[in-house]
Amino acid sequence: MRIILTFLLSILLLEPAHSRQSSDSLLAVLKSEILKKAQYDQIKEAELKRLKQSLAAVPQKDISFRYTVLVKLIDAYKDYSFDSAHVYTNELVKLSNLLREPLKEYESKIRLGSLQLSWGMHKEAFDCIAQVNSRMLPDTTRLRFYEFKARAFHDLANYNTHRFYSPASRSTFIKTLDSVVLLSKAGSYERYKYTGQLYSITNQKKKAADVLKQLLNRKDLSIHQRAMVAHDLSYLVPDAEKDRLLLTAAIADIRTATKQTLAIFRLGNSFLDRGELGDAELLLTEAMAQAAFFGNEIQKKTIATTLTRLAAEKLIRSENEKIDTLVILISIVTLALIGIAIISYIVYKRLKKVKIREAAVREKYRHLDEMNKRLLEDAYIKEEYLGHFFHLISGYISILEKVKRNTEHRLKTENYEGLMQLTKEIDIKKERENLFYTFDTIFLKLFPNFIYAFNALLKPEDQIWPKNREILNTNLRIFALMRLGIKDTQTIANILETTVSTVYTYRNRIKSKAIVQGNAFDQEIMNIKFVDIS
């Protein structure tokens, strides 16, 4: 029993190793073939040159023979160069119209649509489908038409994945593919190929793989057919076998100078996913060269996206290698200089404490400096306002003394009309205006830039400027009192002899229109510069 288990385990371990060795050998072959691709392209160019010469030798009047030679030229170009194939296919359509043979007209439309589909011109391809009446076609031509139509609806289902549209496209694709299978001859390349596709699209993956493996093992396949079967089969097998099949397909594509291919691109993507960046770069660069040569702009964009990802992976790997090297160097230096590191740490800790103390001293100094400036500012404000208000109060006392003497005199003489006249002489409104005028004058002496600084906090259309004969208005006085440090709404209302709600409304209305909002506005008011008293 132990011997049997050992034997089975050795088989399981040897199988992946053998598969990997096979893939490595094929990769070496592919790299060698890429270096020789110019030789294969020269063979292809020689074939094309011969066909062009044959076409040129056919008289213009012999439309039927020109049509036959042109078909061969298009077949040679269709997987090699889109632009050339497209030009000659359009010429084929014109010749078919001149021949006035419906079958050739349909054949040329099918060729044109198939070529447009390979480039991603889906609208034009579906226009071609609409122009072909499949009932008028013989079986061989109808087979090619259904091949073309199945490809078109397969691409549409993959492109438009909306749940309302994709199922309909997929259903049409399956029905059309079923027609292709029925029209193909039993045992033919087409019967095996499209039977495998039909099994695959209906989620019968094992049956699909079995059919395509049988086809791949046949000896009568061309190199190009073998490449296409290997590529289709790569979607249905595990990763190890997938790489081998893609390598086989890519080698065949190089040897047949096939430029319209996905095998080498998918192979490069597979290497990139495994982190084998060197091989991935070689394969993706070759895929980009093939797509550019063929002229497939859509494929070029897809490959360019993958190359961008490759560049990012290379950069990440390079940076990681640098980091690893740096870590090693740091470790060596750390071990060699551990004594110095300890001393450095002690010095660092002491310096850190000194810096903390210095920072604390600087912060205290800054705080004291601010306090000194505030105290100096407050003292200057109090000095200015106290001087003016002592003078003002002194004037009011003189007025009260005069009023008192006059009132006593008129009471003694019972001159009540004189008393009434005396009360009329006291103009409260004028006295309040004088009070505000005194406040405004002193404030702007202390803060000469207040009005401009205040309005700089508002949009031009919302700015508040004193009117003629005004120094400050009520709005400005509210914020002037705030600048002096009076923030209590009741206190401001008492000073301005108005209501608390009025002060609150004025203040909030202005703050809502300010460029800065909330507490930031109040802070900007407090930051308005005091007159230089140094």
Protein backbone atom coordinates (compact mmCIF):
# COMPACT_ATOMS: atom_id res chain seq x y z
CA MET A 1 0.00 0.00 0.00
CA ARG A 2 2.83 2.39 0.90
CA ILE A 3 4.53 1.68 -2.44
CA ILE A 4 1.30 2.50 -4.35
CA LEU A 5 0.83 5.79 -2.48
CA THR A 6 4.45 6.75 -3.15
CA PHE A 7 3.99 6.00 -6.86
CA LEU A 8 0.78 8.08 -7.10
CA LEU A 9 2.40 10.99 -5.24
CA SER A 10 5.38 10.96 -7.60
CA ILE A 11 3.02 11.10 -10.60
CA LEU A 12 1.13 14.07 -9.11
CA LEU A 13 4.39 15.95 -8.48
CA LEU A 14 5.93 15.14 -11.85
CA GLU A 15 2.88 16.18 -13.90
CA PRO A 16 3.03 19.94 -13.07
CA ALA A 17 6.82 19.89 -13.46
CA HIS A 18 6.52 18.27 -16.91
CA SER A 19 3.83 20.78 -17.94
CA ARG A 20 5.98 23.68 -16.78
CA GLN A 21 9.02 22.32 -18.61
CA SER A 22 6.93 21.99 -21.79
CA SER A 23 5.71 25.60 -21.47
CA ASP A 24 9.28 26.83 -20.88
CA SER A 25 10.45 25.05 -24.01
CA LEU A 26 7.62 26.54 -26.08
CA LEU A 27 8.37 30.00 -24.64
CA ALA A 28 11.98 29.68 -25.79
CA VAL A 29 10.70 28.74 -29.26
CA LEU A 30 8.33 31.73 -29.29
CA LYS A 31 11.13 34.12 -28.34
CA SER A 32 13.26 32.70 -31.14
CA GLU A 33 10.38 33.05 -33.62
CA ILE A 34 9.79 36.69 -32.60
CA LEU A 35 13.41 37.43 -33.50
CA LYS A 36 12.80 35.82 -36.92
CA LYS A 37 9.41 37.47 -37.60
CA ALA A 38 10.92 39.79 -40.24
CA GLN A 39 11.73 36.70 -42.33
CA TYR A 40 8.13 35.47 -42.11
CA ASP A 41 6.86 38.95 -42.97
CA GLN A 42 9.09 38.96 -46.05
CA ILE A 43 7.57 35.65 -47.18
CA LYS A 44 4.10 37.19 -46.67
CA GLU A 45 5.05 40.31 -48.59
CA ALA A 46 6.39 38.18 -51.45
CA GLU A 47 3.05 36.33 -51.59
CA LEU A 48 1.15 39.62 -51.61
CA LYS A 49 3.40 41.04 -54.30
CA ARG A 50 2.80 37.99 -56.49
CA LEU A 51 -0.98 38.29 -56.04
CA LYS A 52 -0.89 42.02 -56.83
CA GLN A 53 1.08 41.32 -59.98
CA SER A 54 -1.46 38.67 -60.95
CA LEU A 55 -4.26 41.18 -60.40
CA ALA A 56 -2.46 43.84 -62.41
CA ALA A 57 -2.03 41.38 -65.29
CA VAL A 58 -5.77 40.74 -65.55
CA PRO A 59 -7.48 43.05 -68.11
CA GLN A 60 -9.93 45.57 -66.63
CA LYS A 61 -12.69 44.16 -68.82
CA ASP A 62 -12.27 40.63 -67.45
CA ILE A 63 -14.28 41.46 -64.33
CA SER A 64 -15.03 37.86 -63.40
CA PHE A 65 -11.37 36.79 -63.34
CA ARG A 66 -10.36 40.01 -61.53
CA TYR A 67 -12.99 39.13 -58.92
CA THR A 68 -11.42 35.67 -58.43
CA VAL A 69 -7.86 37.04 -58.07
CA LEU A 70 -9.07 39.83 -55.79
CA VAL A 71 -10.68 37.28 -53.44
CA LYS A 72 -7.30 35.53 -53.06
CA LEU A 73 -5.58 38.87 -52.38
CA ILE A 74 -8.15 39.78 -49.73
CA ASP A 75 -7.76 36.38 -48.04
CA ALA A 76 -4.01 36.99 -47.90
CA TYR A 77 -4.50 40.48 -46.41
CA LYS A 78 -7.44 39.95 -44.00
CA ASP A 79 -5.31 38.88 -40.99
CA TYR A 80 -2.26 40.91 -42.04
CA SER A 81 -3.29 44.51 -42.75
CA PHE A 82 -6.76 45.91 -42.18
CA ASP A 83 -6.37 49.02 -44.35
CA SER A 84 -5.20 47.10 -47.41
CA ALA A 85 -7.81 44.37 -46.91
CA HIS A 86 -10.52 47.03 -46.50
CA VAL A 87 -9.49 48.84 -49.69
CA TYR A 88 -9.46 45.64 -51.77
CA THR A 89 -12.73 44.41 -50.23
CA ASN A 90 -14.49 47.65 -51.18
CA GLU A 91 -13.10 47.18 -54.68
CA LEU A 92 -14.52 43.64 -54.61
CA VAL A 93 -17.95 45.06 -53.74
CA LYS A 94 -17.73 47.40 -56.74
CA LEU A 95 -16.75 44.52 -59.06
CA SER A 96 -19.65 42.40 -57.77
CA ASN A 97 -22.03 45.25 -58.59
CA LEU A 98 -20.59 45.44 -62.11
CA LEU A 99 -21.04 41.68 -62.57
CA ARG A 100 -24.70 42.00 -61.55
CA GLU A 101 -24.55 38.58 -59.96
CA PRO A 102 -26.53 38.59 -56.67
CA LEU A 103 -24.45 35.72 -55.26
CA LYS A 104 -21.16 37.58 -55.73
CA GLU A 105 -22.74 40.77 -54.38
CA TYR A 106 -23.73 38.89 -51.22
CA GLU A 107 -20.32 37.20 -50.97
CA SER A 108 -18.54 40.56 -51.20
CA LYS A 109 -20.87 42.04 -48.52
CA ILE A 110 -20.15 39.09 -46.22
CA ARG A 111 -16.40 39.56 -46.69
CA LEU A 112 -16.67 43.31 -46.07
CA GLY A 113 -18.80 42.85 -42.93
CA SER A 114 -16.48 40.16 -41.52
CA LEU A 115 -13.48 42.43 -42.02
CA GLN A 116 -15.25 45.43 -40.43
CA LEU A 117 -16.25 43.26 -37.48
CA SER A 118 -12.62 42.27 -36.85
CA TRP A 119 -11.77 45.97 -36.47
CA GLY A 120 -14.75 46.73 -34.21
CA MET A 121 -16.93 48.50 -36.81
CA HIS A 122 -20.10 46.88 -35.47
CA LYS A 123 -22.65 49.24 -37.02
CA GLU A 124 -21.19 48.77 -40.49
CA ALA A 125 -21.03 45.00 -39.95
CA PHE A 126 -24.71 44.84 -38.98
CA ASP A 127 -25.55 47.00 -42.02
CA CYS A 128 -23.93 44.29 -44.16
CA ILE A 129 -25.96 41.60 -42.38
CA ALA A 130 -29.17 43.51 -43.15
CA GLN A 131 -28.27 43.71 -46.84
CA VAL A 132 -27.88 39.92 -47.26
CA ASN A 133 -30.85 37.64 -47.99
CA SER A 134 -29.68 34.28 -46.60
CA ARG A 135 -32.47 32.39 -48.38
CA MET A 136 -30.90 33.16 -51.75
CA LEU A 137 -27.50 31.74 -50.78
CA PRO A 138 -26.15 28.27 -51.51
CA ASP A 139 -25.11 26.22 -48.48
CA THR A 140 -21.40 27.05 -48.70
CA THR A 141 -22.03 30.80 -48.87
CA ARG A 142 -24.81 30.58 -46.28
CA LEU A 143 -22.33 28.85 -43.95
CA ARG A 144 -19.90 31.79 -44.24
CA PHE A 145 -22.79 34.23 -43.73
CA TYR A 146 -23.92 32.49 -40.54
CA GLU A 147 -20.31 32.35 -39.31
CA PHE A 148 -20.11 36.12 -39.79
CA LYS A 149 -23.55 36.73 -38.22
CA ALA A 150 -22.76 34.51 -35.21
CA ARG A 151 -19.53 36.45 -34.58
CA ALA A 152 -21.42 39.74 -34.82
CA PHE A 153 -24.07 38.78 -32.24
CA HIS A 154 -21.43 37.20 -29.97
CA ASP A 155 -19.52 40.50 -29.93
CA LEU A 156 -22.76 42.44 -29.39
CA ALA A 157 -23.75 40.26 -26.42
CA ASN A 158 -20.29 40.78 -24.87
CA TYR A 159 -20.33 44.53 -25.54
CA ASN A 160 -23.89 45.34 -24.46
CA THR A 161 -24.29 43.46 -21.18
CA HIS A 162 -27.56 45.15 -20.19
CA ARG A 163 -29.99 42.55 -18.85
CA PHE A 164 -32.70 43.62 -21.34
CA TYR A 165 -30.52 43.33 -24.45
CA SER A 166 -27.70 40.86 -23.83
CA PRO A 167 -29.98 37.77 -23.51
CA ALA A 168 -31.60 38.54 -26.88
CA SER A 169 -28.20 38.93 -28.58
CA ARG A 170 -26.94 35.75 -26.92
CA SER A 171 -30.04 33.83 -28.04
CA THR A 172 -29.58 34.99 -31.63
CA PHE A 173 -25.90 34.04 -31.45
CA ILE A 174 -26.74 30.50 -30.25
CA LYS A 175 -29.42 30.01 -32.94
CA THR A 176 -27.09 31.25 -35.66
CA LEU A 177 -24.22 29.10 -34.38
CA ASP A 178 -26.54 26.11 -34.40
CA SER A 179 -27.28 26.85 -38.08
CA VAL A 180 -23.53 26.99 -38.78
CA VAL A 181 -23.11 23.52 -37.24
CA LEU A 182 -26.00 22.13 -39.27
CA LEU A 183 -24.68 23.59 -42.54
CA SER A 184 -21.09 22.39 -42.04
CA LYS A 185 -20.07 18.99 -43.39
CA ALA A 186 -19.80 16.10 -40.98
CA GLY A 187 -16.20 15.59 -39.89
CA SER A 188 -15.09 18.93 -41.34
CA TYR A 189 -12.95 21.52 -39.56
CA GLU A 190 -15.97 23.84 -39.37
CA ARG A 191 -18.21 21.14 -37.81
CA TYR A 192 -15.73 20.46 -34.99
CA LYS A 193 -14.82 24.12 -34.42
CA TYR A 194 -18.38 25.45 -34.20
CA THR A 195 -19.69 22.42 -32.30
CA GLY A 196 -17.06 23.20 -29.66
CA GLN A 197 -18.16 26.84 -29.59
CA LEU A 198 -21.81 25.82 -29.26
CA TYR A 199 -21.02 23.54 -26.31
CA SER A 200 -18.93 26.31 -24.73
CA ILE A 201 -21.61 29.02 -25.01
CA THR A 202 -24.22 26.64 -23.54
CA ASN A 203 -21.95 25.95 -20.53
CA GLN A 204 -21.04 22.41 -21.58
CA LYS A 205 -17.35 23.12 -21.05
CA LYS A 206 -16.12 19.51 -20.85
CA LYS A 207 -17.85 18.53 -24.10
CA ALA A 208 -16.49 21.67 -25.76
CA ALA A 209 -12.94 20.88 -24.63
CA ASP A 210 -13.20 17.26 -25.79
CA VAL A 211 -14.39 18.29 -29.27
CA LEU A 212 -11.67 20.92 -29.71
CA LYS A 213 -8.97 18.50 -28.48
CA GLN A 214 -10.08 15.99 -31.10
CA LEU A 215 -9.85 18.71 -33.75
CA LEU A 216 -6.42 19.84 -32.54
CA ASN A 217 -5.07 16.29 -32.81
CA ARG A 218 -5.98 16.04 -36.49
CA LYS A 219 -3.11 16.07 -38.97
CA ASP A 220 -4.91 17.84 -41.83
CA LEU A 221 -5.16 21.28 -40.16
CA SER A 222 -3.26 24.24 -41.56
CA ILE A 223 -0.91 26.15 -39.26
CA HIS A 224 -3.40 29.01 -39.02
CA GLN A 225 -6.30 26.65 -38.25
CA ARG A 226 -4.24 24.95 -35.55
CA ALA A 227 -3.52 28.35 -34.00
CA MET A 228 -7.22 29.28 -33.88
CA VAL A 229 -8.25 25.93 -32.36
CA ALA A 230 -5.49 26.13 -29.73
CA HIS A 231 -6.59 29.65 -28.85
CA ASP A 232 -10.27 28.64 -28.51
CA LEU A 233 -9.33 25.60 -26.41
CA SER A 234 -7.22 27.77 -24.05
CA TYR A 235 -10.45 29.25 -22.62
CA LEU A 236 -11.57 25.77 -21.47
CA VAL A 237 -8.52 24.26 -19.75
CA PRO A 238 -6.50 24.84 -16.52
CA ASP A 239 -3.81 27.53 -16.41
CA ALA A 240 -0.82 25.24 -16.99
CA GLU A 241 -2.34 23.79 -20.17
CA LYS A 242 -3.72 27.20 -21.16
CA ASP A 243 -0.22 28.68 -21.40
CA ARG A 244 0.96 25.78 -23.56
CA LEU A 245 -1.96 26.27 -25.96
CA LEU A 246 -1.47 30.04 -26.13
CA LEU A 247 2.23 29.54 -26.80
CA THR A 248 1.38 27.12 -29.61
CA ALA A 249 -1.09 29.62 -31.10
CA ALA A 250 1.34 32.55 -30.78
CA ILE A 251 4.16 30.61 -32.47
CA ALA A 252 1.83 29.69 -35.35
CA ASP A 253 0.71 33.33 -35.68
CA ILE A 254 4.31 34.50 -35.99
CA ARG A 255 5.11 31.85 -38.58
CA THR A 256 2.05 32.69 -40.70
CA ALA A 257 2.57 36.48 -40.30
CA THR A 258 -0.88 36.76 -38.70
CA LYS A 259 -1.21 40.21 -37.14
CA GLN A 260 -4.88 40.08 -36.13
CA THR A 261 -4.48 37.82 -33.11
CA LEU A 262 -5.23 37.68 -29.38
CA ALA A 263 -3.01 34.75 -28.39
CA ILE A 264 0.22 36.65 -27.68
CA PHE A 265 -1.68 39.42 -25.84
CA ARG A 266 -3.49 36.94 -23.57
CA LEU A 267 -0.20 35.12 -23.00
CA GLY A 268 1.48 38.38 -21.96
CA ASN A 269 -1.44 39.09 -19.62
CA SER A 270 -1.04 35.65 -18.05
CA PHE A 271 2.67 36.23 -17.41
CA LEU A 272 1.87 39.67 -15.95
CA ASP A 273 -0.70 38.15 -13.56
CA ARG A 274 1.98 35.72 -12.33
CA GLY A 275 4.50 38.52 -11.84
CA GLU A 276 6.88 37.38 -14.62
CA LEU A 277 7.40 40.94 -15.80
CA GLY A 278 10.32 40.41 -18.19
CA ASP A 279 8.50 37.87 -20.36
CA ALA A 280 5.24 39.81 -20.00
CA GLU A 281 6.90 42.96 -21.35
CA LEU A 282 8.38 41.10 -24.34
CA LEU A 283 5.03 39.51 -25.25
CA LEU A 284 2.88 42.62 -24.70
CA THR A 285 5.29 44.77 -26.71
CA GLU A 286 5.07 42.25 -29.57
CA ALA A 287 1.24 42.24 -29.22
CA MET A 288 1.22 46.03 -29.51
CA ALA A 289 3.47 45.84 -32.60
CA GLN A 290 1.11 43.32 -34.22
CA ALA A 291 -2.01 45.40 -33.44
CA ALA A 292 -0.33 48.56 -34.78
CA PHE A 293 0.80 46.77 -37.95
CA PHE A 294 -2.69 45.38 -38.58
CA GLY A 295 -4.28 48.76 -37.74
CA ASN A 296 -6.63 47.66 -34.95
CA GLU A 297 -7.03 50.83 -32.84
CA ILE A 298 -9.36 49.19 -30.32
CA GLN A 299 -6.86 46.40 -29.66
CA LYS A 300 -4.06 48.96 -29.37
CA LYS A 301 -5.95 50.81 -26.63
CA THR A 302 -6.57 47.57 -24.73
CA ILE A 303 -2.90 46.58 -24.94
CA ALA A 304 -1.81 50.11 -23.99
CA THR A 305 -3.87 49.82 -20.79
CA THR A 306 -2.15 46.53 -19.95
CA LEU A 307 1.28 48.02 -20.72
CA THR A 308 0.48 50.85 -18.30
CA ARG A 309 -0.31 48.28 -15.64
CA LEU A 310 2.97 46.51 -16.49
CA ALA A 311 4.91 49.76 -16.10
CA ALA A 312 3.27 50.31 -12.70
CA GLU A 313 4.16 46.76 -11.60
CA LYS A 314 7.79 47.27 -12.73
CA LEU A 315 7.98 50.52 -10.81
CA ILE A 316 6.54 48.90 -7.68
CA ARG A 317 8.98 45.99 -7.96
CA SER A 318 11.91 48.36 -8.52
CA GLU A 319 10.95 50.40 -5.49
CA ASN A 320 10.53 47.25 -3.40
CA GLU A 321 14.00 46.07 -4.44
CA LYS A 322 15.42 49.45 -3.48
CA ILE A 323 13.65 49.25 -0.16
CA ASP A 324 14.98 45.73 0.45
CA THR A 325 18.53 46.86 -0.36
CA LEU A 326 18.13 49.88 1.88
CA VAL A 327 16.85 47.71 4.73
CA ILE A 328 19.92 45.46 4.44
CA LEU A 329 22.28 48.45 4.43
CA ILE A 330 20.52 50.02 7.38
CA SER A 331 20.71 46.74 9.29
CA ILE A 332 24.46 46.45 8.64
CA VAL A 333 25.12 50.05 9.64
CA THR A 334 22.93 49.67 12.71
CA LEU A 335 24.80 46.59 13.88
CA ALA A 336 28.20 48.19 13.22
CA LEU A 337 27.38 51.46 14.96
CA ILE A 338 25.19 50.31 17.79
CA GLY A 339 27.35 52.06 20.39
CA ILE A 340 27.10 55.38 18.58
CA ALA A 341 23.36 54.80 18.24
CA ILE A 342 22.99 54.51 22.02
CA ILE A 343 24.96 57.71 22.59
CA SER A 344 22.99 59.43 19.86
CA TYR A 345 19.77 58.31 21.50
CA ILE A 346 20.83 59.74 24.87
CA VAL A 347 21.88 63.02 23.26
CA TYR A 348 18.66 63.06 21.28
CA LYS A 349 16.55 62.61 24.41
CA ARG A 350 18.40 65.43 26.16
CA LEU A 351 18.15 67.70 23.17
CA LYS A 352 14.49 66.87 22.91
CA LYS A 353 13.95 67.92 26.51
CA VAL A 354 15.89 71.15 25.87
CA LYS A 355 13.82 71.82 22.78
CA ILE A 356 10.63 71.18 24.72
CA ARG A 357 11.75 73.66 27.35
CA GLU A 358 12.77 76.17 24.72
CA ALA A 359 9.41 75.73 23.00
CA ALA A 360 7.62 76.25 26.33
CA VAL A 361 9.69 79.40 27.02
CA ARG A 362 9.00 80.72 23.52
CA GLU A 363 5.30 80.00 23.94
CA LYS A 364 5.23 81.79 27.30
CA TYR A 365 7.17 84.70 25.84
CA ARG A 366 4.74 84.88 22.91
CA HIS A 367 1.79 84.72 25.28
CA LEU A 368 3.27 87.44 27.51
CA ASP A 369 4.01 89.57 24.47
CA GLU A 370 0.42 89.25 23.32
CA MET A 371 -0.83 90.04 26.81
CA ASN A 372 1.44 93.10 26.98
CA LYS A 373 0.16 94.31 23.64
CA ARG A 374 -3.43 93.76 24.76
CA LEU A 375 -2.80 95.52 28.06
CA LEU A 376 -1.12 98.40 26.25
CA GLU A 377 -4.00 98.54 23.80
CA ASP A 378 -6.58 98.42 26.61
CA ALA A 379 -4.71 101.07 28.57
CA TYR A 380 -4.53 103.36 25.55
CA ILE A 381 -8.22 102.83 24.78
CA LYS A 382 -9.19 103.51 28.39
CA GLU A 383 -6.96 106.60 28.47
CA GLU A 384 -8.51 107.98 25.30
CA TYR A 385 -12.11 107.19 26.23
CA LEU A 386 -11.74 108.13 29.92
CA GLY A 387 -10.22 111.51 29.01
CA HIS A 388 -12.96 112.30 26.53
CA PHE A 389 -15.75 110.97 28.72
CA PHE A 390 -14.47 112.82 31.84
CA HIS A 391 -14.55 115.96 29.72
CA LEU A 392 -18.03 115.04 28.48
CA ILE A 393 -19.32 114.21 31.96
CA SER A 394 -17.82 117.43 33.28
CA GLY A 395 -19.83 119.30 30.66
CA TYR A 396 -22.97 117.40 31.62
CA ILE A 397 -22.41 118.25 35.32
CA SER A 398 -22.09 121.94 34.43
CA ILE A 399 -25.33 121.69 32.45
CA LEU A 400 -27.07 119.87 35.34
CA GLU A 401 -25.82 122.51 37.78
CA LYS A 402 -27.19 125.28 35.56
CA VAL A 403 -30.50 123.41 35.16
CA LYS A 404 -30.67 122.89 38.94
CA ARG A 405 -30.15 126.62 39.69
CA ASN A 406 -32.69 127.67 37.06
CA THR A 407 -35.19 125.06 38.31
CA GLU A 408 -34.82 126.21 41.95
CA HIS A 409 -35.20 129.85 40.90
CA ARG A 410 -38.34 129.21 38.87
CA LEU A 411 -39.84 127.07 41.64
CA LYS A 412 -39.27 129.82 44.17
CA THR A 413 -40.85 132.36 41.85
CA GLU A 414 -43.53 129.81 40.85
CA ASN A 415 -42.62 130.36 37.21
CA TYR A 416 -43.99 127.07 35.90
CA GLU A 417 -44.01 128.19 32.34
CA GLY A 418 -40.30 128.85 32.66
CA LEU A 419 -39.85 125.29 33.94
CA MET A 420 -41.57 123.94 30.86
CA GLN A 421 -39.38 126.10 28.68
CA LEU A 422 -36.31 124.79 30.52
CA THR A 423 -37.23 121.14 29.76
CA LYS A 424 -37.68 121.99 26.10
CA GLU A 425 -34.18 123.41 25.99
CA ILE A 426 -32.78 119.91 26.87
CA ASP A 427 -32.50 118.04 23.46
CA ILE A 428 -32.01 114.34 24.33
CA LYS A 429 -31.70 113.30 20.66
CA LYS A 430 -28.98 115.86 20.06
CA GLU A 431 -27.15 114.80 23.22
CA ARG A 432 -27.26 111.11 22.08
CA GLU A 433 -25.92 112.13 18.67
CA ASN A 434 -23.12 114.05 20.36
CA LEU A 435 -22.35 110.96 22.46
CA PHE A 436 -22.19 108.73 19.36
CA TYR A 437 -20.14 111.34 17.50
CA THR A 438 -17.62 111.37 20.36
CA PHE A 439 -17.50 107.54 20.45
CA ASP A 440 -17.10 107.29 16.67
CA THR A 441 -14.36 109.91 16.52
CA ILE A 442 -12.31 108.32 19.29
CA PHE A 443 -12.80 104.78 17.89
CA LEU A 444 -11.60 105.68 14.40
CA LYS A 445 -8.67 107.49 15.94
CA LEU A 446 -7.76 104.20 17.64
CA PHE A 447 -8.68 101.99 14.65
CA PRO A 448 -8.30 104.17 11.55
CA ASN A 449 -8.59 101.20 9.12
CA PHE A 450 -11.64 99.66 10.78
CA ILE A 451 -14.21 100.54 8.11
CA TYR A 452 -12.04 99.29 5.24
CA ALA A 453 -11.00 96.13 7.10
CA PHE A 454 -14.62 95.42 8.08
CA ASN A 455 -15.90 95.77 4.51
CA ALA A 456 -13.08 93.57 3.22
CA LEU A 457 -14.90 90.73 5.02
CA LEU A 458 -18.04 91.29 2.90
CA LYS A 459 -18.88 90.94 -0.77
CA PRO A 460 -18.88 94.27 -2.68
CA GLU A 461 -22.67 94.30 -2.96
CA ASP A 462 -23.08 93.71 0.81
CA GLN A 463 -20.52 96.24 2.09
CA ILE A 464 -21.63 98.90 4.62
CA TRP A 465 -20.26 102.42 4.28
CA PRO A 466 -21.24 105.49 6.37
CA LYS A 467 -23.55 107.93 4.60
CA ASN A 468 -22.98 111.67 4.32
CA ARG A 469 -22.30 113.33 7.69
CA GLU A 470 -21.99 109.89 9.35
CA ILE A 471 -18.79 108.64 10.94
CA LEU A 472 -20.14 105.22 11.91
CA ASN A 473 -23.65 103.84 11.57
CA THR A 474 -25.48 101.41 13.88
CA ASN A 475 -24.17 98.27 12.07
CA LEU A 476 -20.60 99.47 12.27
CA ARG A 477 -20.97 100.55 15.94
CA ILE A 478 -22.12 97.04 16.94
CA PHE A 479 -18.92 95.50 15.57
CA ALA A 480 -16.82 98.46 16.81
CA LEU A 481 -17.99 97.66 20.35
CA MET A 482 -17.14 93.98 19.73
CA ARG A 483 -13.62 95.05 18.66
CA LEU A 484 -13.29 96.88 21.97
CA GLY A 485 -14.05 93.56 23.70
CA ILE A 486 -17.73 94.17 24.48
CA LYS A 487 -19.42 90.96 23.27
CA ASP A 488 -22.49 90.78 25.52
CA THR A 489 -25.57 91.57 23.42
CA GLN A 490 -27.46 93.19 26.33
CA THR A 491 -24.53 95.50 27.07
CA ILE A 492 -24.25 96.54 23.41
CA ALA A 493 -28.02 97.18 23.31
CA ASN A 494 -27.81 99.37 26.43
CA ILE A 495 -24.90 101.42 25.03
CA LEU A 496 -26.65 101.98 21.69
CA GLU A 497 -30.00 102.52 23.44
CA THR A 498 -31.77 99.84 21.39
CA THR A 499 -33.24 96.37 21.97
CA VAL A 500 -31.36 93.08 22.30
CA SER A 501 -33.32 91.60 19.37
CA THR A 502 -32.30 94.50 17.13
CA VAL A 503 -28.61 94.01 17.94
CA TYR A 504 -28.95 90.25 17.44
CA THR A 505 -30.72 90.71 14.07
CA TYR A 506 -28.19 93.27 12.76
CA ARG A 507 -25.22 91.15 13.81
CA ASN A 508 -26.51 87.85 12.36
CA ARG A 509 -27.65 89.47 9.11
CA ILE A 510 -24.14 90.82 8.48
CA LYS A 511 -22.40 87.59 9.54
CA SER A 512 -24.60 85.56 7.14
CA LYS A 513 -23.35 87.68 4.22
CA ALA A 514 -19.69 87.53 5.22
CA ILE A 515 -16.99 85.86 3.12
CA VAL A 516 -15.92 83.92 6.22
CA GLN A 517 -18.52 82.25 8.44
CA GLY A 518 -19.25 81.76 12.13
CA ASN A 519 -16.54 82.29 14.74
CA ALA A 520 -14.00 82.99 12.00
CA PHE A 521 -15.80 86.26 11.26
CA ASP A 522 -15.67 87.33 14.92
CA GLN A 523 -11.95 86.46 15.02
CA GLU A 524 -11.30 88.55 11.90
CA ILE A 525 -13.04 91.50 13.59
CA MET A 526 -10.76 91.10 16.63
CA ASN A 527 -7.71 90.95 14.30
CA ILE A 528 -8.37 94.42 12.87
CA LYS A 529 -5.20 96.38 13.59
CA PHE A 530 -4.95 98.84 16.45
CA VAL A 531 -3.23 102.18 15.79
CA ASP A 532 0.55 101.98 16.21
CA ILE A 533 1.32 103.48 19.64
CA SER A 534 4.97 102.47 19.84
